[in-house]
Amino acid sequence: MAGRTGVGHSRRLSRALAALAIGAAAAAGVGACSPITTQLQYAPSDGNRVVLGDELTISNLLVLTTGEGEPALVVGGVTNHSPDATTVSLTFGEADTVDVRVDGNSTVLLNPAHDDGVTTTLAASPVAPGANLTVTVATAASGTTSINVTVLDGTLAPYDEYLEYLAA
């Protein structure tokens, strides 16, 4: 009686090893082609994010208001990645323009609730809560881009706490 050391066993072992190698190569190929999503930049809140050149990042930008035509509060962060100070112009719709000066390698928080935050308001929101508002972002060094920014009301926490800054 022949043992399992014959030619048939050798072929099965070779096929199994080949299948294992092909499976490992396929798994490595799929892993190499897939981006690591935890390394991607994103806006982790309800606001929007925009990058303008290598100089500027605006994070979590949103507008809070009680209604169309009512005063509005701008919330977000403006980060200047260059060593030189810059002025960022934010134009909301076609009317209100807000200029934000940001020192080199620093961030300005458009957040009146933060100790170092800046209160930035619009005289009247051009759109109602729930709509998107076109915001044009511009700097002398990096040019101009437009994004759609979310307009919210104080229905959800923590935004209900921010509406008190509109009355001030």
Protein backbone atom coordinates (compact mmCIF):
# COMPACT_ATOMS: atom_id res chain seq x y z
CA MET A 1 0.00 0.00 0.00
CA ALA A 2 1.43 3.29 -1.07
CA GLY A 3 1.77 6.09 1.49
CA ARG A 4 1.03 9.76 1.05
CA THR A 5 4.51 10.52 -0.05
CA GLY A 6 3.86 9.83 -3.68
CA VAL A 7 3.52 12.13 -6.67
CA GLY A 8 -0.21 12.77 -6.04
CA HIS A 9 0.42 14.20 -2.59
CA SER A 10 3.18 16.44 -3.92
CA ARG A 11 0.87 17.85 -6.59
CA ARG A 12 -1.89 18.57 -4.07
CA LEU A 13 0.59 20.29 -1.77
CA SER A 14 1.94 22.38 -4.67
CA ARG A 15 -1.58 23.40 -5.70
CA ALA A 16 -2.49 24.34 -2.14
CA LEU A 17 0.66 26.44 -1.74
CA ALA A 18 0.05 28.12 -5.12
CA ALA A 19 -3.54 28.94 -4.16
CA LEU A 20 -2.35 30.32 -0.82
CA ALA A 21 0.28 32.48 -2.56
CA ILE A 22 -2.26 33.81 -5.07
CA GLY A 23 -4.71 34.61 -2.25
CA ALA A 24 -2.02 36.42 -0.24
CA ALA A 25 -0.92 38.41 -3.30
CA ALA A 26 -4.53 39.39 -4.06
CA ALA A 27 -5.10 40.49 -0.46
CA ALA A 28 -1.89 42.53 -0.48
CA GLY A 29 -2.86 44.11 -3.81
CA VAL A 30 -6.30 45.11 -2.57
CA GLY A 31 -4.83 46.55 0.62
CA ALA A 32 -2.20 48.50 -1.30
CA CYS A 33 -4.81 50.06 -3.59
CA SER A 34 -7.18 51.09 -0.80
CA PRO A 35 -6.61 54.48 0.83
CA ILE A 36 -6.26 54.66 4.57
CA THR A 37 -9.41 56.61 5.30
CA THR A 38 -8.38 57.62 8.81
CA GLN A 39 -5.63 59.72 7.24
CA LEU A 40 -8.01 61.73 5.04
CA GLN A 41 -8.88 65.31 6.06
CA TYR A 42 -12.57 65.98 6.59
CA ALA A 43 -14.95 68.34 8.38
CA PRO A 44 -16.02 66.46 11.51
CA SER A 45 -19.06 68.62 12.19
CA ASP A 46 -22.03 70.06 10.36
CA GLY A 47 -19.88 72.75 8.78
CA ASN A 48 -17.98 72.69 5.52
CA ARG A 49 -14.25 72.58 4.82
CA VAL A 50 -12.29 74.35 2.10
CA VAL A 51 -8.60 74.41 1.27
CA LEU A 52 -7.27 77.36 -0.69
CA GLY A 53 -3.80 76.66 -2.08
CA ASP A 54 -1.10 75.69 0.39
CA GLU A 55 -1.84 78.76 2.49
CA LEU A 56 -5.34 78.45 3.90
CA THR A 57 -7.76 75.95 5.41
CA ILE A 58 -11.22 76.84 6.61
CA SER A 59 -12.81 74.17 8.79
CA ASN A 60 -16.35 73.58 9.99
CA LEU A 61 -17.74 76.74 8.38
CA LEU A 62 -21.47 77.21 8.87
CA VAL A 63 -24.01 79.99 9.33
CA LEU A 64 -26.57 80.11 12.16
CA THR A 65 -29.74 82.18 11.93
CA THR A 66 -33.37 82.12 13.03
CA GLY A 67 -34.65 82.88 9.52
CA GLU A 68 -34.04 84.41 6.12
CA GLY A 69 -33.42 88.14 6.44
CA GLU A 70 -32.55 87.78 10.14
CA PRO A 71 -29.11 88.40 11.66
CA ALA A 72 -26.74 85.46 11.28
CA LEU A 73 -23.67 84.15 13.09
CA VAL A 74 -20.70 82.70 11.22
CA VAL A 75 -18.98 79.77 12.94
CA GLY A 76 -15.78 77.99 11.91
CA GLY A 77 -12.01 78.15 11.97
CA VAL A 78 -9.57 79.86 9.59
CA THR A 79 -6.03 78.45 9.57
CA ASN A 80 -3.11 80.18 7.88
CA HIS A 81 -0.35 77.66 7.06
CA SER A 82 2.09 80.26 5.73
CA PRO A 83 4.59 82.16 7.90
CA ASP A 84 3.14 85.52 6.81
CA ALA A 85 -0.04 87.14 8.09
CA THR A 86 -2.91 87.23 5.61
CA THR A 87 -6.41 88.63 5.29
CA VAL A 88 -9.13 86.24 4.21
CA SER A 89 -12.27 87.68 2.62
CA LEU A 90 -15.46 85.68 3.05
CA THR A 91 -18.35 86.86 0.88
CA PHE A 92 -21.73 85.40 1.87
CA GLY A 93 -24.12 85.35 -1.06
CA GLU A 94 -23.82 88.56 -3.02
CA ALA A 95 -23.84 91.10 -0.21
CA ASP A 96 -22.03 90.58 3.09
CA THR A 97 -18.24 90.40 3.07
CA VAL A 98 -16.29 89.66 6.22
CA ASP A 99 -12.51 90.11 6.37
CA VAL A 100 -10.60 87.91 8.81
CA ARG A 101 -6.95 88.69 9.57
CA VAL A 102 -4.93 85.58 10.44
CA ASP A 103 -1.34 85.73 11.69
CA GLY A 104 1.24 83.41 10.17
CA ASN A 105 1.04 79.76 11.20
CA SER A 106 -2.05 80.32 13.34
CA THR A 107 -5.81 79.83 13.51
CA VAL A 108 -8.63 82.28 14.12
CA LEU A 109 -11.75 80.72 15.60
CA LEU A 110 -15.01 82.22 14.42
CA ASN A 111 -16.67 81.12 17.62
CA PRO A 112 -17.88 83.61 20.24
CA ALA A 113 -18.22 80.84 22.85
CA HIS A 114 -14.47 80.13 22.78
CA ASP A 115 -12.15 82.17 25.02
CA ASP A 116 -10.02 83.27 22.04
CA GLY A 117 -12.89 83.23 19.54
CA VAL A 118 -14.08 86.06 17.35
CA THR A 119 -17.74 86.99 16.93
CA THR A 120 -18.56 87.31 13.23
CA THR A 121 -22.08 88.25 12.22
CA LEU A 122 -24.01 89.05 9.08
CA ALA A 123 -26.65 91.79 9.12
CA ALA A 124 -29.16 89.48 7.42
CA SER A 125 -28.99 85.88 6.25
CA PRO A 126 -29.64 85.75 2.50
CA VAL A 127 -31.23 82.28 2.82
CA ALA A 128 -33.42 80.41 5.30
CA PRO A 129 -32.13 77.70 7.66
CA GLY A 130 -31.87 74.37 5.88
CA ALA A 131 -30.58 75.93 2.67
CA ASN A 132 -27.05 76.22 1.39
CA LEU A 133 -25.37 79.59 1.03
CA THR A 134 -22.63 80.21 -1.53
CA VAL A 135 -19.55 81.62 0.19
CA THR A 136 -16.62 83.00 -1.79
CA VAL A 137 -13.26 82.69 -0.05
CA ALA A 138 -10.38 84.87 -1.26
CA THR A 139 -6.82 85.80 -0.30
CA ALA A 140 -4.26 87.84 -2.19
CA ALA A 141 -1.74 84.97 -2.26
CA SER A 142 -4.00 81.97 -2.94
CA GLY A 143 -6.77 83.34 -5.13
CA THR A 144 -10.49 82.67 -4.88
CA THR A 145 -12.83 79.72 -4.55
CA SER A 146 -16.54 79.27 -3.79
CA ILE A 147 -18.22 76.67 -1.59
CA ASN A 148 -21.74 75.93 -0.44
CA VAL A 149 -22.09 76.42 3.30
CA THR A 150 -24.83 74.94 5.46
CA VAL A 151 -27.25 77.37 7.13
CA LEU A 152 -28.72 76.06 10.38
CA ASP A 153 -31.07 77.35 13.05
CA GLY A 154 -30.95 76.75 16.78
CA THR A 155 -33.11 73.63 16.73
CA LEU A 156 -30.27 71.25 17.53
CA ALA A 157 -27.80 71.40 20.38
CA PRO A 158 -25.21 72.84 20.63
CA TYR A 159 -26.33 75.45 18.09
CA ASP A 160 -29.20 76.65 20.28
CA GLU A 161 -26.62 78.13 22.66
CA TYR A 162 -25.02 80.19 19.88
CA LEU A 163 -28.17 82.12 19.02
CA GLU A 164 -27.76 84.25 22.16
CA TYR A 165 -24.76 85.90 20.45
CA LEU A 166 -27.08 87.26 17.74
CA ALA A 167 -28.99 89.28 20.33
CA ALA A 168 -25.84 90.81 21.80
